[in-house]
Amino acid sequence: LDATYSLPFLAHGCMEVLNCTAQVTSTRCEIWAPTQGQAMCLGTAQQVTGLPASAITLHTTFLGGGLGRKIEQDYISQCLKIAMAVGKPVKLTWSRQQDFQNDKYRPSALIRVQAGVDANGGLAALLYRNVSPSINIQRNTKPGNNPEDTGAVAGAVGLPYAIGSKRIEFVPLPTDIPLGYWRSVGESYNTFAVESAIDELALAAGRDPMVWRKSLLASDPRALGVLAAVDTLSGWSTSPVPKGSARGVSFLLGFGSYIALVAQV
């Protein structure tokens, strides 16, 4: 198999647009915000207002969806600056257009997967190359803290599948488009490429995609248990697919969680 997969930049598109309410006086700062980063908000407020942490109160509201976008500080900082300028309490609510135009986007990716099946039906080798913008590089994260840029290759490194030989490559692509953490980050595009390749290999080898995954995960009881569960729940092995429909399966080990999905389309 020699396949290339392309994935676009993605906006978070939270149900609730970015918003913040703030009141700033010479001695106090009070914030109401749907934030995923309380400690970050405290630091932002200290920087913008010049007040000590003891003078700042943060009320965390329901997020209306966060997905990684509401860990950012742009909307918090903007509201604080406006409140200081007008000297009154301010409620800032972005329009949906502002929300999309000023997002911190999930990186796009172009991924090439080269892999082969051996005579015994095993996964003999995998050469995986991901070209995508790097959140770490754009944000000047010190390379020494994360030299492999694991956020960019998450979902491709540490695969639980039995693979004879493998090489995972990452090539950072410079971009001026602002990047951010979009839920699972690297897993969201790498898993798509890995699992699509596994399916294409199974098809080329004449293997059932569910059965072949189980054979590649034979040494991981927990992975097998998850696949067995979705096999049973979906009726993959026991009920025929209705005419005009098809079933697909995918698997992921990420963030310490084992996940499997079956879709019938």
C-alpha atoms as a PDB file:
ATOM      1  CA  LEU A   1       0.000   0.000   0.000  1.00  0.00           C
ATOM      2  CA  ASP A   2       1.206   3.490  -0.851  1.00  0.00           C
ATOM      3  CA  ALA A   3      -1.511   5.991   0.040  1.00  0.00           C
ATOM      4  CA  THR A   4      -1.708   9.719   0.782  1.00  0.00           C
ATOM      5  CA  TYR A   5      -4.328  11.284   3.014  1.00  0.00           C
ATOM      6  CA  SER A   6      -5.077  15.000   3.235  1.00  0.00           C
ATOM      7  CA  LEU A   7      -6.898  16.725   6.069  1.00  0.00           C
ATOM      8  CA  PRO A   8      -7.912  20.398   6.257  1.00  0.00           C
ATOM      9  CA  PHE A   9      -7.506  23.119   8.836  1.00  0.00           C
ATOM     10  CA  LEU A  10     -10.482  22.904  11.210  1.00  0.00           C
ATOM     11  CA  ALA A  11     -12.199  25.507  13.348  1.00  0.00           C
ATOM     12  CA  HIS A  12     -13.526  24.557  16.769  1.00  0.00           C
ATOM     13  CA  GLY A  13     -17.073  25.760  16.097  1.00  0.00           C
ATOM     14  CA  CYS A  14     -18.141  25.547  19.750  1.00  0.00           C
ATOM     15  CA  MET A  15     -21.895  25.732  20.340  1.00  0.00           C
ATOM     16  CA  GLU A  16     -21.382  28.878  22.432  1.00  0.00           C
ATOM     17  CA  VAL A  17     -19.236  31.582  20.846  1.00  0.00           C
ATOM     18  CA  LEU A  18     -16.378  33.103  22.815  1.00  0.00           C
ATOM     19  CA  ASN A  19     -17.539  35.477  25.521  1.00  0.00           C
ATOM     20  CA  CYS A  20     -16.399  37.029  28.765  1.00  0.00           C
ATOM     21  CA  THR A  21     -17.756  39.415  31.381  1.00  0.00           C
ATOM     22  CA  ALA A  22     -15.399  41.515  33.480  1.00  0.00           C
ATOM     23  CA  GLN A  23     -15.311  44.362  35.975  1.00  0.00           C
ATOM     24  CA  VAL A  24     -12.016  46.078  36.731  1.00  0.00           C
ATOM     25  CA  THR A  25     -11.404  48.768  39.328  1.00  0.00           C
ATOM     26  CA  SER A  26      -8.233  50.184  40.804  1.00  0.00           C
ATOM     27  CA  THR A  27      -8.290  47.523  43.521  1.00  0.00           C
ATOM     28  CA  ARG A  28     -10.321  44.564  42.191  1.00  0.00           C
ATOM     29  CA  CYS A  29     -10.854  42.472  39.088  1.00  0.00           C
ATOM     30  CA  GLU A  30     -13.777  40.086  38.691  1.00  0.00           C
ATOM     31  CA  ILE A  31     -14.238  37.810  35.668  1.00  0.00           C
ATOM     32  CA  TRP A  32     -17.053  35.548  34.524  1.00  0.00           C
ATOM     33  CA  ALA A  33     -15.952  33.335  31.638  1.00  0.00           C
ATOM     34  CA  PRO A  34     -16.410  29.914  30.006  1.00  0.00           C
ATOM     35  CA  THR A  35     -12.753  28.965  30.293  1.00  0.00           C
ATOM     36  CA  GLN A  36     -10.784  25.732  30.246  1.00  0.00           C
ATOM     37  CA  GLY A  37      -7.700  27.467  31.649  1.00  0.00           C
ATOM     38  CA  GLN A  38      -8.407  29.032  35.021  1.00  0.00           C
ATOM     39  CA  ALA A  39      -4.756  29.412  35.976  1.00  0.00           C
ATOM     40  CA  MET A  40      -4.046  30.982  32.590  1.00  0.00           C
ATOM     41  CA  CYS A  41      -6.891  33.464  33.089  1.00  0.00           C
ATOM     42  CA  LEU A  42      -5.424  34.477  36.415  1.00  0.00           C
ATOM     43  CA  GLY A  43      -2.063  35.141  34.768  1.00  0.00           C
ATOM     44  CA  THR A  44      -3.721  37.089  31.945  1.00  0.00           C
ATOM     45  CA  ALA A  45      -5.647  39.245  34.399  1.00  0.00           C
ATOM     46  CA  GLN A  46      -2.497  39.991  36.396  1.00  0.00           C
ATOM     47  CA  GLN A  47      -0.642  40.963  33.234  1.00  0.00           C
ATOM     48  CA  VAL A  48      -3.418  43.173  31.829  1.00  0.00           C
ATOM     49  CA  THR A  49      -4.554  44.871  35.039  1.00  0.00           C
ATOM     50  CA  GLY A  50      -1.332  44.916  37.055  1.00  0.00           C
ATOM     51  CA  LEU A  51      -3.273  43.672  40.084  1.00  0.00           C
ATOM     52  CA  PRO A  52      -2.005  40.893  42.386  1.00  0.00           C
ATOM     53  CA  ALA A  53      -3.600  37.446  42.243  1.00  0.00           C
ATOM     54  CA  SER A  54      -5.271  38.081  45.611  1.00  0.00           C
ATOM     55  CA  ALA A  55      -7.306  40.900  44.038  1.00  0.00           C
ATOM     56  CA  ILE A  56      -8.640  38.797  41.156  1.00  0.00           C
ATOM     57  CA  THR A  57     -11.758  36.611  41.271  1.00  0.00           C
ATOM     58  CA  LEU A  58     -12.661  34.236  38.457  1.00  0.00           C
ATOM     59  CA  HIS A  59     -16.075  32.615  38.059  1.00  0.00           C
ATOM     60  CA  THR A  60     -16.020  29.670  35.639  1.00  0.00           C
ATOM     61  CA  THR A  61     -19.329  29.411  33.786  1.00  0.00           C
ATOM     62  CA  PHE A  62     -20.580  26.489  31.718  1.00  0.00           C
ATOM     63  CA  LEU A  63     -18.452  26.277  28.586  1.00  0.00           C
ATOM     64  CA  GLY A  64     -21.048  25.735  25.890  1.00  0.00           C
ATOM     65  CA  GLY A  65     -18.404  23.486  24.355  1.00  0.00           C
ATOM     66  CA  GLY A  66     -14.682  24.034  24.788  1.00  0.00           C
ATOM     67  CA  LEU A  67     -12.847  21.543  22.575  1.00  0.00           C
ATOM     68  CA  GLY A  68      -9.518  23.209  23.358  1.00  0.00           C
ATOM     69  CA  ARG A  69     -10.504  26.652  22.053  1.00  0.00           C
ATOM     70  CA  LYS A  70     -11.465  28.022  25.448  1.00  0.00           C
ATOM     71  CA  ILE A  71      -8.052  27.435  26.936  1.00  0.00           C
ATOM     72  CA  GLU A  72      -6.892  30.432  24.854  1.00  0.00           C
ATOM     73  CA  GLN A  73      -6.695  33.904  26.355  1.00  0.00           C
ATOM     74  CA  ASP A  74      -7.506  36.283  23.489  1.00  0.00           C
ATOM     75  CA  TYR A  75     -11.137  36.833  24.413  1.00  0.00           C
ATOM     76  CA  ILE A  76     -10.302  37.166  28.124  1.00  0.00           C
ATOM     77  CA  SER A  77      -7.632  39.776  27.455  1.00  0.00           C
ATOM     78  CA  GLN A  78      -9.870  41.706  25.065  1.00  0.00           C
ATOM     79  CA  CYS A  79     -12.709  41.928  27.570  1.00  0.00           C
ATOM     80  CA  LEU A  80     -10.399  43.046  30.373  1.00  0.00           C
ATOM     81  CA  LYS A  81      -8.885  45.814  28.245  1.00  0.00           C
ATOM     82  CA  ILE A  82     -12.328  47.097  27.231  1.00  0.00           C
ATOM     83  CA  ALA A  83     -13.551  47.029  30.849  1.00  0.00           C
ATOM     84  CA  MET A  84     -10.510  49.017  31.950  1.00  0.00           C
ATOM     85  CA  ALA A  85     -10.977  51.540  29.125  1.00  0.00           C
ATOM     86  CA  VAL A  86     -14.653  52.265  29.849  1.00  0.00           C
ATOM     87  CA  GLY A  87     -14.426  51.941  33.635  1.00  0.00           C
ATOM     88  CA  LYS A  88     -17.610  49.892  33.826  1.00  0.00           C
ATOM     89  CA  PRO A  89     -18.567  46.208  33.844  1.00  0.00           C
ATOM     90  CA  VAL A  90     -18.411  44.806  30.296  1.00  0.00           C
ATOM     91  CA  LYS A  91     -19.970  41.740  28.739  1.00  0.00           C
ATOM     92  CA  LEU A  92     -18.161  40.763  25.540  1.00  0.00           C
ATOM     93  CA  THR A  93     -19.818  38.319  23.125  1.00  0.00           C
ATOM     94  CA  TRP A  94     -18.196  37.537  19.801  1.00  0.00           C
ATOM     95  CA  SER A  95     -20.321  37.100  16.694  1.00  0.00           C
ATOM     96  CA  ARG A  96     -20.131  33.717  15.000  1.00  0.00           C
ATOM     97  CA  GLN A  97     -18.214  35.410  12.179  1.00  0.00           C
ATOM     98  CA  GLN A  98     -15.614  36.723  14.641  1.00  0.00           C
ATOM     99  CA  ASP A  99     -15.516  33.298  16.253  1.00  0.00           C
ATOM    100  CA  PHE A 100     -14.531  31.570  12.989  1.00  0.00           C
ATOM    101  CA  GLN A 101     -12.275  34.308  11.647  1.00  0.00           C
ATOM    102  CA  ASN A 102     -10.220  34.489  14.829  1.00  0.00           C
ATOM    103  CA  ASP A 103     -10.031  30.806  15.714  1.00  0.00           C
ATOM    104  CA  LYS A 104      -6.854  28.912  16.522  1.00  0.00           C
ATOM    105  CA  TYR A 105      -7.174  26.176  13.953  1.00  0.00           C
ATOM    106  CA  ARG A 106      -6.474  22.450  14.087  1.00  0.00           C
ATOM    107  CA  PRO A 107      -3.477  21.987  11.756  1.00  0.00           C
ATOM    108  CA  SER A 108      -3.995  20.657   8.274  1.00  0.00           C
ATOM    109  CA  ALA A 109      -2.011  17.557   7.372  1.00  0.00           C
ATOM    110  CA  LEU A 110      -0.761  15.637   4.366  1.00  0.00           C
ATOM    111  CA  ILE A 111       0.134  12.091   5.381  1.00  0.00           C
ATOM    112  CA  ARG A 112       1.777   9.356   3.319  1.00  0.00           C
ATOM    113  CA  VAL A 113       1.459   5.763   4.481  1.00  0.00           C
ATOM    114  CA  GLN A 114       3.530   2.970   2.949  1.00  0.00           C
ATOM    115  CA  ALA A 115       2.914  -0.491   4.372  1.00  0.00           C
ATOM    116  CA  GLY A 116       2.892  -4.160   3.448  1.00  0.00           C
ATOM    117  CA  VAL A 117       1.330  -7.455   4.518  1.00  0.00           C
ATOM    118  CA  ASP A 118       3.538 -10.536   4.813  1.00  0.00           C
ATOM    119  CA  ALA A 119       2.792 -14.083   3.657  1.00  0.00           C
ATOM    120  CA  ASN A 120       1.325 -14.967   7.044  1.00  0.00           C
ATOM    121  CA  GLY A 121      -1.150 -12.066   6.975  1.00  0.00           C
ATOM    122  CA  GLY A 122       0.796  -9.921   9.414  1.00  0.00           C
ATOM    123  CA  LEU A 123       1.649  -6.245   9.083  1.00  0.00           C
ATOM    124  CA  ALA A 124       5.237  -6.537   7.861  1.00  0.00           C
ATOM    125  CA  ALA A 125       6.287  -2.888   7.751  1.00  0.00           C
ATOM    126  CA  LEU A 126       5.007   0.659   8.088  1.00  0.00           C
ATOM    127  CA  LEU A 127       6.611   3.873   6.821  1.00  0.00           C
ATOM    128  CA  TYR A 128       4.554   6.847   7.955  1.00  0.00           C
ATOM    129  CA  ARG A 129       5.269  10.479   7.062  1.00  0.00           C
ATOM    130  CA  ASN A 130       3.192  13.392   8.352  1.00  0.00           C
ATOM    131  CA  VAL A 131       3.680  16.879   6.896  1.00  0.00           C
ATOM    132  CA  SER A 132       1.731  19.437   8.905  1.00  0.00           C
ATOM    133  CA  PRO A 133       2.118  22.772  10.704  1.00  0.00           C
ATOM    134  CA  SER A 134       3.474  22.508  14.238  1.00  0.00           C
ATOM    135  CA  ILE A 135       1.654  24.120  17.159  1.00  0.00           C
ATOM    136  CA  ASN A 136       4.819  23.836  19.254  1.00  0.00           C
ATOM    137  CA  ILE A 137       7.007  25.630  16.731  1.00  0.00           C
ATOM    138  CA  GLN A 138       4.473  28.395  16.115  1.00  0.00           C
ATOM    139  CA  ARG A 139       4.168  29.012  19.847  1.00  0.00           C
ATOM    140  CA  ASN A 140       7.940  28.868  20.376  1.00  0.00           C
ATOM    141  CA  THR A 141       7.707  25.915  22.727  1.00  0.00           C
ATOM    142  CA  LYS A 142      11.268  24.993  23.678  1.00  0.00           C
ATOM    143  CA  PRO A 143      12.335  21.997  21.535  1.00  0.00           C
ATOM    144  CA  GLY A 144      14.174  20.502  24.510  1.00  0.00           C
ATOM    145  CA  ASN A 145      10.869  19.979  26.301  1.00  0.00           C
ATOM    146  CA  ASN A 146       9.399  17.921  23.471  1.00  0.00           C
ATOM    147  CA  PRO A 147      11.972  17.128  20.766  1.00  0.00           C
ATOM    148  CA  GLU A 148       9.723  14.627  18.987  1.00  0.00           C
ATOM    149  CA  ASP A 149       6.808  17.091  18.804  1.00  0.00           C
ATOM    150  CA  THR A 150       4.599  14.296  20.114  1.00  0.00           C
ATOM    151  CA  GLY A 151       1.412  16.327  19.735  1.00  0.00           C
ATOM    152  CA  ALA A 152       1.918  16.266  15.966  1.00  0.00           C
ATOM    153  CA  VAL A 153       2.489  12.508  15.742  1.00  0.00           C
ATOM    154  CA  ALA A 154       0.125  11.369  18.490  1.00  0.00           C
ATOM    155  CA  GLY A 155      -2.000   8.551  17.143  1.00  0.00           C
ATOM    156  CA  ALA A 156       0.858   7.381  14.926  1.00  0.00           C
ATOM    157  CA  VAL A 157       3.544   6.698  17.532  1.00  0.00           C
ATOM    158  CA  GLY A 158       2.921   4.013  20.137  1.00  0.00           C
ATOM    159  CA  LEU A 159       0.564   2.029  17.932  1.00  0.00           C
ATOM    160  CA  PRO A 160      -0.604  -1.146  19.703  1.00  0.00           C
ATOM    161  CA  TYR A 161      -0.711  -3.102  16.434  1.00  0.00           C
ATOM    162  CA  ALA A 162       1.904  -5.817  15.895  1.00  0.00           C
ATOM    163  CA  ILE A 163       4.154  -4.374  13.178  1.00  0.00           C
ATOM    164  CA  GLY A 164       7.346  -6.004  11.914  1.00  0.00           C
ATOM    165  CA  SER A 165       9.247  -2.762  11.279  1.00  0.00           C
ATOM    166  CA  LYS A 166       8.049   0.816  11.468  1.00  0.00           C
ATOM    167  CA  ARG A 167       9.304   4.344  11.010  1.00  0.00           C
ATOM    168  CA  ILE A 168       7.264   7.425  11.934  1.00  0.00           C
ATOM    169  CA  GLU A 169       8.354  10.731  10.398  1.00  0.00           C
ATOM    170  CA  PHE A 170       7.152  14.283  10.989  1.00  0.00           C
ATOM    171  CA  VAL A 171       7.969  17.274   8.788  1.00  0.00           C
ATOM    172  CA  PRO A 172       6.821  20.647  10.200  1.00  0.00           C
ATOM    173  CA  LEU A 173       5.255  22.897   7.570  1.00  0.00           C
ATOM    174  CA  PRO A 174       5.560  26.659   8.284  1.00  0.00           C
ATOM    175  CA  THR A 175       2.284  28.578   8.291  1.00  0.00           C
ATOM    176  CA  ASP A 176       0.997  31.978   9.363  1.00  0.00           C
ATOM    177  CA  ILE A 177      -2.469  30.572  10.070  1.00  0.00           C
ATOM    178  CA  PRO A 178      -2.926  30.620  13.879  1.00  0.00           C
ATOM    179  CA  LEU A 179      -2.877  27.094  15.279  1.00  0.00           C
ATOM    180  CA  GLY A 180      -4.515  25.700  18.386  1.00  0.00           C
ATOM    181  CA  TYR A 181      -5.438  22.550  20.259  1.00  0.00           C
ATOM    182  CA  TRP A 182      -8.508  20.985  18.689  1.00  0.00           C
ATOM    183  CA  ARG A 183      -9.643  18.295  21.082  1.00  0.00           C
ATOM    184  CA  SER A 184      -7.432  15.252  20.507  1.00  0.00           C
ATOM    185  CA  VAL A 185      -4.958  17.283  18.387  1.00  0.00           C
ATOM    186  CA  GLY A 186      -2.603  14.844  16.591  1.00  0.00           C
ATOM    187  CA  GLU A 187      -4.910  11.866  17.103  1.00  0.00           C
ATOM    188  CA  SER A 188      -7.623  13.612  15.103  1.00  0.00           C
ATOM    189  CA  TYR A 189      -5.680  13.392  11.843  1.00  0.00           C
ATOM    190  CA  ASN A 190      -3.170  10.593  12.463  1.00  0.00           C
ATOM    191  CA  THR A 191      -5.820   8.071  13.507  1.00  0.00           C
ATOM    192  CA  PHE A 192      -7.758   8.847  10.341  1.00  0.00           C
ATOM    193  CA  ALA A 193      -4.700   8.068   8.219  1.00  0.00           C
ATOM    194  CA  VAL A 194      -3.605   4.994  10.193  1.00  0.00           C
ATOM    195  CA  GLU A 195      -7.050   3.411  10.307  1.00  0.00           C
ATOM    196  CA  SER A 196      -7.790   4.190   6.669  1.00  0.00           C
ATOM    197  CA  ALA A 197      -4.514   2.473   5.744  1.00  0.00           C
ATOM    198  CA  ILE A 198      -5.337  -0.545   7.918  1.00  0.00           C
ATOM    199  CA  ASP A 199      -8.671  -0.857   6.116  1.00  0.00           C
ATOM    200  CA  GLU A 200      -7.086  -0.548   2.676  1.00  0.00           C
ATOM    201  CA  LEU A 201      -4.476  -3.182   3.572  1.00  0.00           C
ATOM    202  CA  ALA A 202      -7.196  -5.538   4.825  1.00  0.00           C
ATOM    203  CA  LEU A 203      -9.100  -5.063   1.562  1.00  0.00           C
ATOM    204  CA  ALA A 204      -5.972  -5.703  -0.513  1.00  0.00           C
ATOM    205  CA  ALA A 205      -5.177  -8.846   1.518  1.00  0.00           C
ATOM    206  CA  GLY A 206      -8.752 -10.117   1.334  1.00  0.00           C
ATOM    207  CA  ARG A 207      -9.143  -9.961   5.121  1.00  0.00           C
ATOM    208  CA  ASP A 208     -12.159  -8.889   7.153  1.00  0.00           C
ATOM    209  CA  PRO A 209     -11.184  -5.504   8.700  1.00  0.00           C
ATOM    210  CA  MET A 210     -12.495  -6.468  12.151  1.00  0.00           C
ATOM    211  CA  VAL A 211     -10.879  -9.903  12.170  1.00  0.00           C
ATOM    212  CA  TRP A 212      -7.565  -8.565  10.882  1.00  0.00           C
ATOM    213  CA  ARG A 213      -7.419  -5.843  13.530  1.00  0.00           C
ATOM    214  CA  LYS A 214      -8.014  -8.473  16.187  1.00  0.00           C
ATOM    215  CA  SER A 215      -5.115 -10.531  14.846  1.00  0.00           C
ATOM    216  CA  LEU A 216      -2.826  -7.479  14.965  1.00  0.00           C
ATOM    217  CA  LEU A 217      -3.891  -6.784  18.564  1.00  0.00           C
ATOM    218  CA  ALA A 218      -3.686 -10.365  19.804  1.00  0.00           C
ATOM    219  CA  SER A 219      -1.179  -9.471  22.533  1.00  0.00           C
ATOM    220  CA  ASP A 220      -3.356  -6.711  24.010  1.00  0.00           C
ATOM    221  CA  PRO A 221      -6.362  -8.177  25.890  1.00  0.00           C
ATOM    222  CA  ARG A 222      -7.874  -4.783  26.604  1.00  0.00           C
ATOM    223  CA  ALA A 223      -7.794  -3.800  22.934  1.00  0.00           C
ATOM    224  CA  LEU A 224      -9.363  -7.129  21.985  1.00  0.00           C
ATOM    225  CA  GLY A 225     -12.081  -6.597  24.569  1.00  0.00           C
ATOM    226  CA  VAL A 226     -13.022  -3.227  23.112  1.00  0.00           C
ATOM    227  CA  LEU A 227     -13.118  -4.579  19.568  1.00  0.00           C
ATOM    228  CA  ALA A 228     -15.158  -7.585  20.711  1.00  0.00           C
ATOM    229  CA  ALA A 229     -17.651  -5.229  22.347  1.00  0.00           C
ATOM    230  CA  VAL A 230     -18.266  -3.137  19.221  1.00  0.00           C
ATOM    231  CA  ASP A 231     -18.331  -6.319  17.126  1.00  0.00           C
ATOM    232  CA  THR A 232     -21.183  -7.634  19.273  1.00  0.00           C
ATOM    233  CA  LEU A 233     -23.037  -4.326  19.598  1.00  0.00           C
ATOM    234  CA  SER A 234     -22.939  -3.658  15.856  1.00  0.00           C
ATOM    235  CA  GLY A 235     -23.678  -7.206  14.774  1.00  0.00           C
ATOM    236  CA  TRP A 236     -20.566  -7.064  12.583  1.00  0.00           C
ATOM    237  CA  SER A 237     -19.883 -10.807  12.697  1.00  0.00           C
ATOM    238  CA  THR A 238     -23.447 -12.032  13.192  1.00  0.00           C
ATOM    239  CA  SER A 239     -25.787 -10.017  10.967  1.00  0.00           C
ATOM    240  CA  PRO A 240     -25.506  -9.261   7.255  1.00  0.00           C
ATOM    241  CA  VAL A 241     -25.138  -5.684   6.093  1.00  0.00           C
ATOM    242  CA  PRO A 242     -28.405  -4.425   4.564  1.00  0.00           C
ATOM    243  CA  LYS A 243     -28.397  -3.967   0.799  1.00  0.00           C
ATOM    244  CA  GLY A 244     -27.140  -0.533  -0.160  1.00  0.00           C
ATOM    245  CA  SER A 245     -25.239  -0.127   3.116  1.00  0.00           C
ATOM    246  CA  ALA A 246     -21.700  -0.728   4.320  1.00  0.00           C
ATOM    247  CA  ARG A 247     -19.982  -1.002   7.691  1.00  0.00           C
ATOM    248  CA  GLY A 248     -16.644   0.350   8.776  1.00  0.00           C
ATOM    249  CA  VAL A 249     -14.601  -0.068  11.948  1.00  0.00           C
ATOM    250  CA  SER A 250     -11.799   1.976  13.491  1.00  0.00           C
ATOM    251  CA  PHE A 251      -9.680   1.665  16.613  1.00  0.00           C
ATOM    252  CA  LEU A 252      -7.568   4.042  18.698  1.00  0.00           C
ATOM    253  CA  LEU A 253      -5.372   3.891  21.761  1.00  0.00           C
ATOM    254  CA  GLY A 254      -4.988   7.462  22.960  1.00  0.00           C
ATOM    255  CA  PHE A 255      -4.720   9.365  26.233  1.00  0.00           C
ATOM    256  CA  GLY A 256      -4.763   6.018  28.044  1.00  0.00           C
ATOM    257  CA  SER A 257      -8.150   5.136  26.566  1.00  0.00           C
ATOM    258  CA  TYR A 258      -9.069   2.321  24.190  1.00  0.00           C
ATOM    259  CA  ILE A 259     -11.702   3.389  21.676  1.00  0.00           C
ATOM    260  CA  ALA A 260     -13.403   1.530  18.849  1.00  0.00           C
ATOM    261  CA  LEU A 261     -16.215   2.654  16.574  1.00  0.00           C
ATOM    262  CA  VAL A 262     -18.397   0.928  14.016  1.00  0.00           C
ATOM    263  CA  ALA A 263     -20.290   3.035  11.517  1.00  0.00           C
ATOM    264  CA  GLN A 264     -23.005   1.746   9.210  1.00  0.00           C
ATOM    265  CA  VAL A 265     -23.593   3.995   6.214  1.00  0.00           C
END
